């Protein structure tokens, strides 16, 4: 379930950024966490690009953060 939930979170983040920008509120970048499952998913890039395009958000406004578990798995595995 993490992949579809993650895609929903990306889309909601972009939607919220678009709403704030439309109201003239500059919040800078918004960070969204990624899990190890999402990071390894081949559909991650298209999902991110789709959300950014759908809400006309520049990619520089969305910051992707790896969860602690992801960092640990990448170091160990």
PDB file of N, CA and C in Angstrom:
ATOM      1  N   UNK A   1       0.812  -1.209   0.000  1.00  0.00           N
ATOM      2  CA  UNK A   1       0.000   0.000   0.000  1.00  0.00           C
ATOM      3  C   UNK A   1       0.853   1.269   0.000  1.00  0.00           C
ATOM      4  N   UNK A   2       2.137   1.148   0.349  1.00  0.00           N
ATOM      5  CA  UNK A   2       2.964   2.347   0.478  1.00  0.00           C
ATOM      6  C   UNK A   2       3.115   3.097  -0.844  1.00  0.00           C
ATOM      7  N   UNK A   3       3.149   2.392  -1.961  1.00  0.00           N
ATOM      8  CA  UNK A   3       3.335   3.072  -3.248  1.00  0.00           C
ATOM      9  C   UNK A   3       2.124   3.933  -3.606  1.00  0.00           C
ATOM     10  N   UNK A   4       0.888   3.403  -3.590  1.00  0.00           N
ATOM     11  CA  UNK A   4      -0.247   4.274  -3.903  1.00  0.00           C
ATOM     12  C   UNK A   4      -0.446   5.383  -2.866  1.00  0.00           C
ATOM     13  N   UNK A   5      -0.171   5.090  -1.600  1.00  0.00           N
ATOM     14  CA  UNK A   5      -0.285   6.134  -0.575  1.00  0.00           C
ATOM     15  C   UNK A   5       0.763   7.217  -0.832  1.00  0.00           C
ATOM     16  N   UNK A   6       1.976   6.796  -1.177  1.00  0.00           N
ATOM     17  CA  UNK A   6       3.040   7.758  -1.479  1.00  0.00           C
ATOM     18  C   UNK A   6       2.689   8.645  -2.658  1.00  0.00           C
ATOM     19  N   UNK A   7       2.092   8.056  -3.687  1.00  0.00           N
ATOM     20  CA  UNK A   7       1.680   8.854  -4.850  1.00  0.00           C
ATOM     21  C   UNK A   7       0.608   9.860  -4.458  1.00  0.00           C
ATOM     22  N   UNK A   8      -0.298   9.453  -3.595  1.00  0.00           N
ATOM     23  CA  UNK A   8      -1.330  10.370  -3.111  1.00  0.00           C
ATOM     24  C   UNK A   8      -0.687  11.513  -2.327  1.00  0.00           C
ATOM     25  N   UNK A   9       0.290  11.200  -1.500  1.00  0.00           N
ATOM     26  CA  UNK A   9       0.983  12.230  -0.711  1.00  0.00           C
ATOM     27  C   UNK A   9       1.700  13.215  -1.628  1.00  0.00           C
ATOM     28  N   UNK A  10       2.409  12.712  -2.659  1.00  0.00           N
ATOM     29  CA  UNK A  10       3.064  13.611  -3.614  1.00  0.00           C
ATOM     30  C   UNK A  10       2.051  14.548  -4.249  1.00  0.00           C
ATOM     31  N   UNK A  11       0.937  13.973  -4.679  1.00  0.00           N
ATOM     32  CA  UNK A  11      -0.073  14.774  -5.357  1.00  0.00           C
ATOM     33  C   UNK A  11      -0.667  15.828  -4.423  1.00  0.00           C
ATOM     34  N   UNK A  12      -0.952  15.451  -3.187  1.00  0.00           N
ATOM     35  CA  UNK A  12      -1.503  16.399  -2.211  1.00  0.00           C
ATOM     36  C   UNK A  12      -0.492  17.501  -1.891  1.00  0.00           C
ATOM     37  N   UNK A  13       0.784  17.144  -1.793  1.00  0.00           N
ATOM     38  CA  UNK A  13       1.825  18.147  -1.535  1.00  0.00           C
ATOM     39  C   UNK A  13       1.877  19.157  -2.670  1.00  0.00           C
ATOM     40  N   UNK A  14       1.846  18.663  -3.899  1.00  0.00           N
ATOM     41  CA  UNK A  14       1.865  19.560  -5.054  1.00  0.00           C
ATOM     42  C   UNK A  14       0.603  20.413  -5.110  1.00  0.00           C
ATOM     43  N   UNK A  15      -0.530  19.807  -4.800  1.00  0.00           N
ATOM     44  CA  UNK A  15      -1.789  20.540  -4.788  1.00  0.00           C
ATOM     45  C   UNK A  15      -1.746  21.656  -3.744  1.00  0.00           C
ATOM     46  N   UNK A  16      -1.214  21.361  -2.574  1.00  0.00           N
ATOM     47  CA  UNK A  16      -1.128  22.369  -1.511  1.00  0.00           C
ATOM     48  C   UNK A  16      -0.175  23.490  -1.903  1.00  0.00           C
ATOM     49  N   UNK A  17       0.966  23.136  -2.490  1.00  0.00           N
ATOM     50  CA  UNK A  17       1.902  24.163  -2.956  1.00  0.00           C
ATOM     51  C   UNK A  17       1.250  25.056  -4.009  1.00  0.00           C
ATOM     52  N   UNK A  18       0.498  24.451  -4.926  1.00  0.00           N
ATOM     53  CA  UNK A  18      -0.190  25.228  -5.966  1.00  0.00           C
ATOM     54  C   UNK A  18      -1.209  26.179  -5.340  1.00  0.00           C
ATOM     55  N   UNK A  19      -1.925  25.699  -4.339  1.00  0.00           N
ATOM     56  CA  UNK A  19      -2.919  26.535  -3.663  1.00  0.00           C
ATOM     57  C   UNK A  19      -2.234  27.727  -2.978  1.00  0.00           C
ATOM     58  N   UNK A  20      -1.168  27.464  -2.253  1.00  0.00           N
ATOM     59  CA  UNK A  20      -0.460  28.555  -1.580  1.00  0.00           C
ATOM     60  C   UNK A  20       0.102  29.558  -2.585  1.00  0.00           C
ATOM     61  N   UNK A  21       0.677  29.049  -3.675  1.00  0.00           N
ATOM     62  CA  UNK A  21       1.237  29.948  -4.702  1.00  0.00           C
ATOM     63  C   UNK A  21       0.138  30.810  -5.315  1.00  0.00           C
ATOM     64  N   UNK A  22      -1.035  30.225  -5.542  1.00  0.00           N
ATOM     65  CA  UNK A  22      -2.161  30.981  -6.112  1.00  0.00           C
ATOM     66  C   UNK A  22      -2.613  32.082  -5.166  1.00  0.00           C
ATOM     67  N   UNK A  23      -2.436  31.877  -3.873  1.00  0.00           N
ATOM     68  CA  UNK A  23      -2.810  32.885  -2.877  1.00  0.00           C
ATOM     69  C   UNK A  23      -1.691  33.876  -2.594  1.00  0.00           C
ATOM     70  N   UNK A  24      -0.555  33.710  -3.277  1.00  0.00           N
ATOM     71  CA  UNK A  24       0.576  34.610  -3.084  1.00  0.00           C
ATOM     72  C   UNK A  24       1.414  34.280  -1.862  1.00  0.00           C
ATOM     73  N   UNK A  25       1.272  33.071  -1.344  1.00  0.00           N
ATOM     74  CA  UNK A  25       2.030  32.649  -0.156  1.00  0.00           C
ATOM     75  C   UNK A  25       3.255  31.878  -0.624  1.00  0.00           C
ATOM     76  N   UNK A  26       4.431  32.407  -0.322  1.00  0.00           N
ATOM     77  CA  UNK A  26       5.680  31.746  -0.702  1.00  0.00           C
ATOM     78  C   UNK A  26       6.212  30.975   0.494  1.00  0.00           C
ATOM     79  N   UNK A  27       6.116  29.670   0.431  1.00  0.00           N
ATOM     80  CA  UNK A  27       6.594  28.840   1.539  1.00  0.00           C
ATOM     81  C   UNK A  27       7.926  28.180   1.209  1.00  0.00           C
ATOM     82  N   UNK A  28       8.451  28.449   0.039  1.00  0.00           N
ATOM     83  CA  UNK A  28       9.699  27.809  -0.356  1.00  0.00           C
ATOM     84  C   UNK A  28       9.453  26.369  -0.749  1.00  0.00           C
ATOM     85  N   UNK A  29      10.375  25.493  -0.355  1.00  0.00           N
ATOM     86  CA  UNK A  29      10.249  24.085  -0.720  1.00  0.00           C
ATOM     87  C   UNK A  29       9.451  23.310   0.321  1.00  0.00           C
ATOM     88  N   UNK A  30       8.804  22.260  -0.159  1.00  0.00           N
ATOM     89  CA  UNK A  30       8.083  21.349   0.734  1.00  0.00           C
ATOM     90  C   UNK A  30       8.804  20.007   0.673  1.00  0.00           C
ATOM     91  N   UNK A  31       9.047  19.420   1.827  1.00  0.00           N
ATOM     92  CA  UNK A  31       9.718  18.126   1.896  1.00  0.00           C
ATOM     93  C   UNK A  31       8.681  17.006   2.002  1.00  0.00           C
ATOM     94  N   UNK A  32       8.938  15.923   1.274  1.00  0.00           N
ATOM     95  CA  UNK A  32       8.096  14.730   1.308  1.00  0.00           C
ATOM     96  C   UNK A  32       9.018  13.538   1.548  1.00  0.00           C
ATOM     97  N   UNK A  33       8.658  12.694   2.499  1.00  0.00           N
ATOM     98  CA  UNK A  33       9.464  11.517   2.812  1.00  0.00           C
ATOM     99  C   UNK A  33       9.245  10.400   1.799  1.00  0.00           C
ATOM    100  N   UNK A  34      10.305   9.667   1.514  1.00  0.00           N
ATOM    101  CA  UNK A  34      10.256   8.484   0.657  1.00  0.00           C
ATOM    102  C   UNK A  34      10.663   7.268   1.475  1.00  0.00           C
ATOM    103  N   UNK A  35       9.973   6.179   1.281  1.00  0.00           N
ATOM    104  CA  UNK A  35      10.366   4.919   1.924  1.00  0.00           C
ATOM    105  C   UNK A  35      11.270   4.140   0.969  1.00  0.00           C
ATOM    106  N   UNK A  36      11.887   3.082   1.470  1.00  0.00           N
ATOM    107  CA  UNK A  36      12.733   2.229   0.637  1.00  0.00           C
ATOM    108  C   UNK A  36      11.928   1.617  -0.501  1.00  0.00           C
ATOM    109  N   UNK A  37      10.701   1.233  -0.225  1.00  0.00           N
ATOM    110  CA  UNK A  37       9.848   0.627  -1.256  1.00  0.00           C
ATOM    111  C   UNK A  37       9.606   1.614  -2.383  1.00  0.00           C
ATOM    112  N   UNK A  38       9.303   2.855  -2.047  1.00  0.00           N
ATOM    113  CA  UNK A  38       9.064   3.875  -3.067  1.00  0.00           C
ATOM    114  C   UNK A  38      10.325   4.158  -3.865  1.00  0.00           C
ATOM    115  N   UNK A  39      11.453   4.214  -3.184  1.00  0.00           N
ATOM    116  CA  UNK A  39      12.719   4.529  -3.838  1.00  0.00           C
ATOM    117  C   UNK A  39      13.068   3.481  -4.893  1.00  0.00           C
ATOM    118  N   UNK A  40      12.731   2.239  -4.633  1.00  0.00           N
ATOM    119  CA  UNK A  40      13.040   1.149  -5.553  1.00  0.00           C
ATOM    120  C   UNK A  40      11.967   0.936  -6.616  1.00  0.00           C
ATOM    121  N   UNK A  41      10.845   1.600  -6.485  1.00  0.00           N
ATOM    122  CA  UNK A  41       9.717   1.452  -7.409  1.00  0.00           C
ATOM    123  C   UNK A  41      10.019   2.168  -8.727  1.00  0.00           C
ATOM    124  N   UNK A  42       9.838   1.474  -9.840  1.00  0.00           N
ATOM    125  CA  UNK A  42      10.147   2.056 -11.150  1.00  0.00           C
ATOM    126  C   UNK A  42       9.192   3.187 -11.530  1.00  0.00           C
ATOM    127  N   UNK A  43       8.026   3.238 -10.914  1.00  0.00           N
ATOM    128  CA  UNK A  43       7.060   4.274 -11.258  1.00  0.00           C
ATOM    129  C   UNK A  43       7.211   5.563 -10.473  1.00  0.00           C
ATOM    130  N   UNK A  44       8.246   5.661  -9.652  1.00  0.00           N
ATOM    131  CA  UNK A  44       8.424   6.851  -8.811  1.00  0.00           C
ATOM    132  C   UNK A  44       8.591   8.119  -9.641  1.00  0.00           C
ATOM    133  N   UNK A  45       9.498   8.094 -10.580  1.00  0.00           N
ATOM    134  CA  UNK A  45       9.779   9.291 -11.384  1.00  0.00           C
ATOM    135  C   UNK A  45       8.544   9.742 -12.175  1.00  0.00           C
ATOM    136  N   UNK A  46       7.847   8.844 -12.887  1.00  0.00           N
ATOM    137  CA  UNK A  46       6.639   9.281 -13.604  1.00  0.00           C
ATOM    138  C   UNK A  46       5.559   9.820 -12.664  1.00  0.00           C
ATOM    139  N   UNK A  47       5.419   9.230 -11.494  1.00  0.00           N
ATOM    140  CA  UNK A  47       4.415   9.709 -10.536  1.00  0.00           C
ATOM    141  C   UNK A  47       4.754  11.118 -10.074  1.00  0.00           C
ATOM    142  N   UNK A  48       6.020  11.351  -9.769  1.00  0.00           N
ATOM    143  CA  UNK A  48       6.440  12.693  -9.340  1.00  0.00           C
ATOM    144  C   UNK A  48       6.252  13.708 -10.459  1.00  0.00           C
ATOM    145  N   UNK A  49       6.701  13.355 -11.639  1.00  0.00           N
ATOM    146  CA  UNK A  49       6.552  14.278 -12.780  1.00  0.00           C
ATOM    147  C   UNK A  49       5.086  14.572 -13.064  1.00  0.00           C
ATOM    148  N   UNK A  50       4.248  13.548 -12.952  1.00  0.00           N
ATOM    149  CA  UNK A  50       2.820  13.743 -13.197  1.00  0.00           C
ATOM    150  C   UNK A  50       2.195  14.707 -12.204  1.00  0.00           C
ATOM    151  N   UNK A  51       2.530  14.553 -10.931  1.00  0.00           N
ATOM    152  CA  UNK A  51       1.984  15.450  -9.904  1.00  0.00           C
ATOM    153  C   UNK A  51       2.474  16.875 -10.105  1.00  0.00           C
ATOM    154  N   UNK A  52       3.762  17.024 -10.394  1.00  0.00           N
ATOM    155  CA  UNK A  52       4.316  18.364 -10.625  1.00  0.00           C
ATOM    156  C   UNK A  52       3.639  19.029 -11.821  1.00  0.00           C
ATOM    157  N   UNK A  53       3.475  18.287 -12.907  1.00  0.00           N
ATOM    158  CA  UNK A  53       2.857  18.842 -14.115  1.00  0.00           C
ATOM    159  C   UNK A  53       1.382  19.160 -13.891  1.00  0.00           C
ATOM    160  N   UNK A  54       0.673  18.261 -13.226  1.00  0.00           N
ATOM    161  CA  UNK A  54      -0.765  18.442 -12.996  1.00  0.00           C
ATOM    162  C   UNK A  54      -1.054  19.729 -12.229  1.00  0.00           C
ATOM    163  N   UNK A  55      -0.156  20.096 -11.329  1.00  0.00           N
ATOM    164  CA  UNK A  55      -0.383  21.268 -10.481  1.00  0.00           C
ATOM    165  C   UNK A  55       0.529  22.445 -10.834  1.00  0.00           C
ATOM    166  N   UNK A  56       1.268  22.317 -11.955  1.00  0.00           N
ATOM    167  CA  UNK A  56       2.161  23.380 -12.452  1.00  0.00           C
ATOM    168  C   UNK A  56       3.137  23.851 -11.375  1.00  0.00           C
ATOM    169  N   UNK A  57       3.797  22.884 -10.748  1.00  0.00           N
ATOM    170  CA  UNK A  57       4.764  23.184  -9.690  1.00  0.00           C
ATOM    171  C   UNK A  57       6.167  22.887 -10.216  1.00  0.00           C
ATOM    172  N   UNK A  58       7.099  23.839 -10.092  1.00  0.00           N
ATOM    173  CA  UNK A  58       8.483  23.555 -10.472  1.00  0.00           C
ATOM    174  C   UNK A  58       9.077  22.478  -9.559  1.00  0.00           C
ATOM    175  N   UNK A  59       9.828  21.570 -10.138  1.00  0.00           N
ATOM    176  CA  UNK A  59      10.424  20.487  -9.370  1.00  0.00           C
ATOM    177  C   UNK A  59      11.293  20.960  -8.220  1.00  0.00           C
ATOM    178  N   UNK A  60      11.869  22.134  -8.338  1.00  0.00           N
ATOM    179  CA  UNK A  60      12.740  22.661  -7.282  1.00  0.00           C
ATOM    180  C   UNK A  60      11.979  22.946  -5.981  1.00  0.00           C
ATOM    181  N   UNK A  61      10.649  23.004  -6.048  1.00  0.00           N
ATOM    182  CA  UNK A  61       9.874  23.297  -4.841  1.00  0.00           C
ATOM    183  C   UNK A  61       9.525  22.053  -4.032  1.00  0.00           C
ATOM    184  N   UNK A  62       9.836  20.869  -4.579  1.00  0.00           N
ATOM    185  CA  UNK A  62       9.525  19.628  -3.872  1.00  0.00           C
ATOM    186  C   UNK A  62      10.841  18.947  -3.495  1.00  0.00           C
ATOM    187  N   UNK A  63      11.060  18.810  -2.209  1.00  0.00           N
ATOM    188  CA  UNK A  63      12.280  18.179  -1.706  1.00  0.00           C
ATOM    189  C   UNK A  63      11.941  16.761  -1.243  1.00  0.00           C
ATOM    190  N   UNK A  64      12.710  15.795  -1.689  1.00  0.00           N
ATOM    191  CA  UNK A  64      12.468  14.402  -1.327  1.00  0.00           C
ATOM    192  C   UNK A  64      13.455  13.986  -0.243  1.00  0.00           C
ATOM    193  N   UNK A  65      12.929  13.460   0.838  1.00  0.00           N
ATOM    194  CA  UNK A  65      13.761  13.025   1.961  1.00  0.00           C
ATOM    195  C   UNK A  65      13.627  11.521   2.129  1.00  0.00           C
ATOM    196  N   UNK A  66      14.730  10.869   2.404  1.00  0.00           N
ATOM    197  CA  UNK A  66      14.701   9.434   2.670  1.00  0.00           C
ATOM    198  C   UNK A  66      14.399   9.213   4.139  1.00  0.00           C
ATOM    199  N   UNK A  67      13.519   8.270   4.409  1.00  0.00           N
ATOM    200  CA  UNK A  67      13.215   7.950   5.797  1.00  0.00           C
ATOM    201  C   UNK A  67      14.444   7.295   6.427  1.00  0.00           C
ATOM    202  N   UNK A  68      14.517   7.313   7.752  1.00  0.00           N
ATOM    203  CA  UNK A  68      15.655   6.721   8.448  1.00  0.00           C
ATOM    204  C   UNK A  68      15.802   5.250   8.104  1.00  0.00           C
ATOM    205  N   UNK A  69      14.700   4.555   8.022  1.00  0.00           N
ATOM    206  CA  UNK A  69      14.740   3.129   7.690  1.00  0.00           C
ATOM    207  C   UNK A  69      15.370   2.927   6.323  1.00  0.00           C
ATOM    208  N   UNK A  70      15.044   3.790   5.375  1.00  0.00           N
ATOM    209  CA  UNK A  70      15.625   3.693   4.042  1.00  0.00           C
ATOM    210  C   UNK A  70      17.123   3.875   4.108  1.00  0.00           C
ATOM    211  N   UNK A  71      17.590   4.858   4.850  1.00  0.00           N
ATOM    212  CA  UNK A  71      19.026   5.110   4.968  1.00  0.00           C
ATOM    213  C   UNK A  71      19.734   3.917   5.570  1.00  0.00           C
ATOM    214  N   UNK A  72      19.148   3.334   6.588  1.00  0.00           N
ATOM    215  CA  UNK A  72      19.758   2.171   7.224  1.00  0.00           C
ATOM    216  C   UNK A  72      19.819   0.991   6.275  1.00  0.00           C
ATOM    217  N   UNK A  73      18.769   0.747   5.538  1.00  0.00           N
ATOM    218  CA  UNK A  73      18.733  -0.370   4.594  1.00  0.00           C
ATOM    219  C   UNK A  73      19.740  -0.169   3.484  1.00  0.00           C
ATOM    220  N   UNK A  74      19.909   1.061   3.011  1.00  0.00           N
ATOM    221  CA  UNK A  74      20.858   1.321   1.943  1.00  0.00           C
ATOM    222  C   UNK A  74      22.292   1.097   2.421  1.00  0.00           C
ATOM    223  N   UNK A  75      22.585   1.429   3.645  1.00  0.00           N
ATOM    224  CA  UNK A  75      23.940   1.239   4.189  1.00  0.00           C
ATOM    225  C   UNK A  75      24.227  -0.235   4.465  1.00  0.00           C
ATOM    226  N   UNK A  76      23.237  -0.942   4.966  1.00  0.00           N
ATOM    227  CA  UNK A  76      23.426  -2.344   5.342  1.00  0.00           C
ATOM    228  C   UNK A  76      23.388  -3.249   4.120  1.00  0.00           C
ATOM    229  N   UNK A  77      22.376  -3.009   3.279  1.00  0.00           N
ATOM    230  CA  UNK A  77      22.103  -3.911   2.161  1.00  0.00           C
ATOM    231  C   UNK A  77      23.012  -3.715   1.018  1.00  0.00           C
TER     232      UNK A  77
END
